[in-house]
Amino acid sequence: MDIANMSVAFSQNKVQQQAGISVLKMALGVEATKGDSIASLASVTTKAMELSVQSNLGANLDIGA
């Protein structure tokens, strides 16, 4: 194998590696976003469950002057 072919092969390998790393970074970003969404959903669900267990709280407002 001559030097020119080795150079081309090395360059192609480097580009493939960089593309793989970029795809992995994008996938990690998506998973982090999903994790944040799940955490916020859990918080909302917990609050809804608390309100359903104590449904009388906050239902009435007595205003006296």
Foldseek 3Di string as FASTA:
>chain_A
DDPVVVVVVVVVVVVVVVVVVVVVVVVVVVVVVVVVVVVVVVVVVVVVVVCVVVVVPPPDDDDDD
